[in-house]
Each structure stands twice: as structure tokens, then as C-alpha cells.
Amino acid sequence: MGFLNQLLKYKNICIQCHNSPDADALAAAYGVYTYLKLHDINVSIIYSGDYEIQKKDLLYMIDICEIPVEYIKELPKTDLLLLVDGQYGRGNVYRFEADNIAMIDHHMPSMKKTENAFIDYSYQSCSTIVWELLKEEGYDVKANEKLSIAFLYGLYTDTSSYVDLYKKHDIAMRDELSKDYPELERLKNHP
């Protein structure tokens, strides 16, 4: 059983991005959201903190990829709080109290590894981790154009426009998902 599959025991899941989410956090959350929705899980993508998303490229990404993210001050009733691109207790993640917490992240771990935490800093983006987790579950990411665009843009922004792209998993995702996406090119050049 893969990491994503083990989440299916929860019927209500909130996927939390770090405060002021970037493209990688939004894409990773959207990937997990897509998988959970396929399995009839009641799922939402949330974030909190001092500011709502204002960057024009991120608002455009949310629009073209149809990412259902919402800014909240109070955590809705949930069976599981799943953090993506961040870790519970870190300063850039608003701390909501929850009975069950899981994490998917590509930053240096700040806690001991648990069965509910997929943290691997050998990746350059959280999008790449979620892409691999989806493939492990048999999900064809290439068939989902909006998700492919989100993952590619998440990786693009986390690797300084691919200039700093050097890790094999991330290169493999870029190569597998790369295609002529006019929306992605507009996103890369969005003010």
C-alpha cells in the first residue's frame, strides 16, 4: 500500500499549504486533492496566515488549473490535516489543532519520521514527490493536462526557471510531463 492509499481510511481531509503558498505548494496540494477526489473522499485545499494569495501568476495558475484552494482562519471539521510542502510546527505553517496529522514535504525534516510523514529532501520540489506517489498508485498524470501544468510550474518556480534543476527525480518529472502547453508558457511569462 502506497502513502496516498493509506490516506483513504479518512473520509474528511483538509490539505494545508504553508502560509502564502507558492506554486509548488499549490501544485502538490492539487495533486493529492485529485487523487483523493477520485476515491470519493471529502477533501479541501486550505491555507492560512497573515495574507491571502495576491501574486498574479499564482492567481492565474489557480484559475487555469482550477485549483480549489481557500484561505481560512478556522479549520473545518476534519479527520486528517495533511500538510504539503511544509511541516507541522514550522514557523511558515499556521498551526491548526487536529487529531490526525500527516505531511508530504521536500525540505530538511524538523522531526522524527513517522508513518504519516513522507519527507524526503532529495527532491527539489514537493510536486515531484506527489507526482511519484500518484504514479505509484497507477494514476496517469500525463492524461491530466491541468495537473501536469501545475506540477511543471511548481517545479519551474522551485528551481529558478529550471536553471537550478539537477536532481534525477525532478528531471524525470519535467521530461515525462513536458509538452507544448500554451497555458504553461503564459504562466511562466505572467507578470
Protein backbone atom coordinates (compact mmCIF):
# COMPACT_ATOMS: atom_id res chain seq x y z
CA MET A 1 0.00 0.00 0.00
CA GLY A 2 1.41 3.37 -1.05
CA PHE A 3 1.48 6.53 1.03
CA LEU A 4 -1.52 8.08 -0.72
CA ASN A 5 -3.54 4.88 -0.46
CA GLN A 6 -3.15 4.79 3.32
CA LEU A 7 -4.90 8.19 3.50
CA LEU A 8 -8.12 6.67 2.13
CA LYS A 9 -9.16 5.48 5.59
CA TYR A 10 -10.01 9.11 6.39
CA LYS A 11 -13.29 10.39 4.94
CA ASN A 12 -12.76 14.13 5.55
CA ILE A 13 -9.33 15.57 4.75
CA CYS A 14 -8.02 19.13 4.73
CA ILE A 15 -4.85 19.58 2.69
CA GLN A 16 -2.96 22.53 4.15
CA CYS A 17 -0.41 24.56 2.19
CA HIS A 18 2.12 26.71 4.03
CA ASN A 19 1.27 30.36 4.63
CA SER A 20 1.39 32.47 1.46
CA PRO A 21 1.57 29.32 -0.66
CA ASP A 22 3.84 29.24 -3.68
CA ALA A 23 3.28 27.38 -6.94
CA ASP A 24 4.92 24.19 -5.67
CA ALA A 25 2.70 24.01 -2.58
CA LEU A 26 -0.43 24.65 -4.64
CA ALA A 27 0.54 22.04 -7.25
CA ALA A 28 1.39 19.38 -4.67
CA ALA A 29 -1.88 20.02 -2.82
CA TYR A 30 -3.79 19.83 -6.11
CA GLY A 31 -2.17 16.50 -6.97
CA VAL A 32 -3.18 14.92 -3.66
CA TYR A 33 -6.64 16.52 -3.94
CA THR A 34 -7.12 14.98 -7.39
CA TYR A 35 -6.25 11.50 -6.10
CA LEU A 36 -8.49 11.76 -3.04
CA LYS A 37 -11.45 13.08 -5.07
CA LEU A 38 -11.20 10.03 -7.34
CA HIS A 39 -11.74 7.91 -4.23
CA ASP A 40 -14.80 9.85 -3.04
CA ILE A 41 -13.01 11.50 -0.12
CA ASN A 42 -14.45 14.80 1.11
CA VAL A 43 -11.34 16.93 0.63
CA SER A 44 -10.42 20.61 0.59
CA ILE A 45 -7.24 22.62 -0.02
CA ILE A 46 -6.64 25.34 2.56
CA TYR A 47 -4.06 27.82 3.76
CA SER A 48 -3.92 30.48 6.44
CA GLY A 49 -1.54 33.09 7.79
CA ASP A 50 -1.49 36.87 7.59
CA TYR A 51 -2.09 37.28 3.87
CA GLU A 52 -4.24 35.85 1.11
CA ILE A 53 -2.62 34.99 -2.21
CA GLN A 54 -2.05 38.16 -4.21
CA LYS A 55 0.69 37.28 -6.71
CA LYS A 56 -0.77 37.49 -10.19
CA ASP A 57 0.98 34.38 -11.50
CA LEU A 58 -0.42 32.28 -8.64
CA LEU A 59 -3.93 33.65 -9.13
CA TYR A 60 -3.62 32.84 -12.82
CA MET A 61 -2.35 29.33 -12.01
CA ILE A 62 -5.28 28.75 -9.64
CA ASP A 63 -7.65 29.92 -12.36
CA ILE A 64 -6.32 27.95 -15.34
CA CYS A 65 -5.67 24.76 -13.38
CA GLU A 66 -8.93 25.10 -11.43
CA ILE A 67 -7.27 24.58 -8.04
CA PRO A 68 -9.99 24.84 -5.37
CA VAL A 69 -7.88 26.49 -2.68
CA GLU A 70 -9.37 28.63 0.05
CA TYR A 71 -7.99 30.97 2.69
CA ILE A 72 -9.31 30.16 6.17
CA LYS A 73 -8.97 31.35 9.76
CA GLU A 74 -10.59 28.31 11.39
CA LEU A 75 -10.03 24.68 10.50
CA PRO A 76 -13.24 22.97 9.37
CA LYS A 77 -14.14 19.62 10.91
CA THR A 78 -11.69 17.11 9.50
CA ASP A 79 -10.49 13.58 10.15
CA LEU A 80 -6.99 14.36 8.84
CA LEU A 81 -4.93 17.50 8.38
CA LEU A 82 -2.41 16.84 5.59
CA LEU A 83 0.37 19.39 5.19
CA VAL A 84 2.10 19.65 1.81
CA ASP A 85 5.36 21.48 1.13
CA GLY A 86 5.73 22.19 4.84
CA GLN A 87 5.92 20.57 8.24
CA TYR A 88 3.66 20.83 11.26
CA GLY A 89 5.09 23.17 13.86
CA ARG A 90 7.28 25.14 11.46
CA GLY A 91 7.00 28.91 11.52
CA ASN A 92 5.67 29.24 7.97
CA VAL A 93 2.72 26.91 8.59
CA TYR A 94 -0.26 28.19 10.56
CA ARG A 95 -0.78 25.75 13.41
CA PHE A 96 -4.27 24.27 13.49
CA GLU A 97 -5.07 21.72 16.16
CA ALA A 98 -6.03 18.36 14.67
CA ASP A 99 -6.28 14.81 15.98
CA ASN A 100 -4.56 13.29 12.96
CA ILE A 101 -1.76 14.99 11.05
CA ALA A 102 0.18 13.82 8.00
CA MET A 103 2.84 15.54 5.89
CA ILE A 104 4.38 15.43 2.43
CA ASP A 105 7.46 17.63 2.13
CA HIS A 106 10.81 18.03 0.38
CA HIS A 107 12.57 20.17 3.00
CA MET A 108 15.01 19.06 5.70
CA PRO A 109 12.98 17.20 8.35
CA SER A 110 12.42 19.01 11.63
CA MET A 111 11.03 15.94 13.39
CA LYS A 112 11.36 12.16 13.57
CA LYS A 113 9.96 10.23 10.63
CA THR A 114 6.55 8.68 11.22
CA GLU A 115 4.27 6.55 9.05
CA ASN A 116 2.16 9.66 8.43
CA ALA A 117 5.08 11.72 7.14
CA PHE A 118 6.63 11.43 3.69
CA ILE A 119 9.55 13.84 4.00
CA ASP A 120 12.43 13.49 1.56
CA TYR A 121 14.82 16.36 0.94
CA SER A 122 16.46 14.61 -2.02
CA TYR A 123 13.74 16.23 -4.15
CA GLN A 124 13.79 19.81 -5.37
CA SER A 125 10.02 20.18 -5.34
CA CYS A 126 7.08 18.74 -3.46
CA SER A 127 5.28 18.48 -6.80
CA THR A 128 7.78 15.81 -7.84
CA ILE A 129 7.14 13.78 -4.70
CA VAL A 130 3.37 13.87 -5.29
CA TRP A 131 3.90 13.01 -8.98
CA GLU A 132 5.83 9.89 -7.92
CA LEU A 133 3.23 8.99 -5.28
CA LEU A 134 0.47 9.27 -7.90
CA LYS A 135 2.43 7.07 -10.32
CA GLU A 136 2.90 4.53 -7.52
CA GLU A 137 -0.91 4.37 -7.25
CA GLY A 138 -1.28 3.89 -11.03
CA TYR A 139 -2.57 7.40 -11.74
CA ASP A 140 -1.63 8.71 -15.20
CA VAL A 141 -0.62 12.32 -14.54
CA LYS A 142 0.14 12.94 -18.24
CA ALA A 143 -3.54 12.39 -19.02
CA ASN A 144 -4.48 15.30 -16.73
CA GLU A 145 -3.33 18.46 -18.52
CA LYS A 146 -4.22 20.86 -15.70
CA LEU A 147 -2.34 18.82 -13.12
CA SER A 148 0.65 18.44 -15.47
CA ILE A 149 0.77 22.22 -15.92
CA ALA A 150 0.54 22.75 -12.15
CA PHE A 151 3.35 20.26 -11.44
CA LEU A 152 5.60 21.71 -14.13
CA TYR A 153 5.04 25.26 -12.91
CA GLY A 154 5.66 24.20 -9.30
CA LEU A 155 8.98 22.66 -10.33
CA TYR A 156 9.80 25.61 -12.58
CA THR A 157 9.41 28.10 -9.75
CA ASP A 158 11.22 25.96 -7.15
CA THR A 159 14.26 25.55 -9.44
CA SER A 160 14.69 29.16 -10.59
CA SER A 161 13.10 28.61 -14.01
CA TYR A 162 14.80 25.18 -14.29
CA VAL A 163 18.25 26.86 -14.06
CA ASP A 164 18.95 25.03 -10.77
CA LEU A 165 17.28 21.78 -11.85
CA TYR A 166 19.73 18.95 -11.16
CA LYS A 167 18.12 16.11 -9.18
CA LYS A 168 17.14 12.98 -11.10
CA HIS A 169 13.56 12.63 -9.84
CA ASP A 170 12.76 16.23 -10.72
CA ILE A 171 14.39 15.98 -14.14
CA ALA A 172 12.40 12.79 -14.79
CA MET A 173 9.11 14.53 -13.97
CA ARG A 174 9.93 17.50 -16.18
CA ASP A 175 10.91 15.23 -19.06
CA GLU A 176 7.86 12.98 -18.74
CA LEU A 177 5.30 15.78 -18.43
CA SER A 178 6.87 18.26 -20.86
CA LYS A 179 4.67 19.04 -23.82
CA ASP A 180 3.60 22.16 -25.67
CA TYR A 181 1.25 23.74 -23.14
CA PRO A 182 0.39 27.31 -24.22
CA GLU A 183 -1.12 27.94 -20.76
CA LEU A 184 2.17 26.98 -19.10
CA GLU A 185 4.11 29.37 -21.32
CA ARG A 186 1.64 32.16 -20.47
CA LEU A 187 2.02 31.29 -16.80
CA LYS A 188 5.82 31.45 -16.99
CA ASN A 189 5.59 34.90 -18.57
CA HIS A 190 2.73 36.22 -16.44
CA PRO A 191 3.55 39.49 -14.67
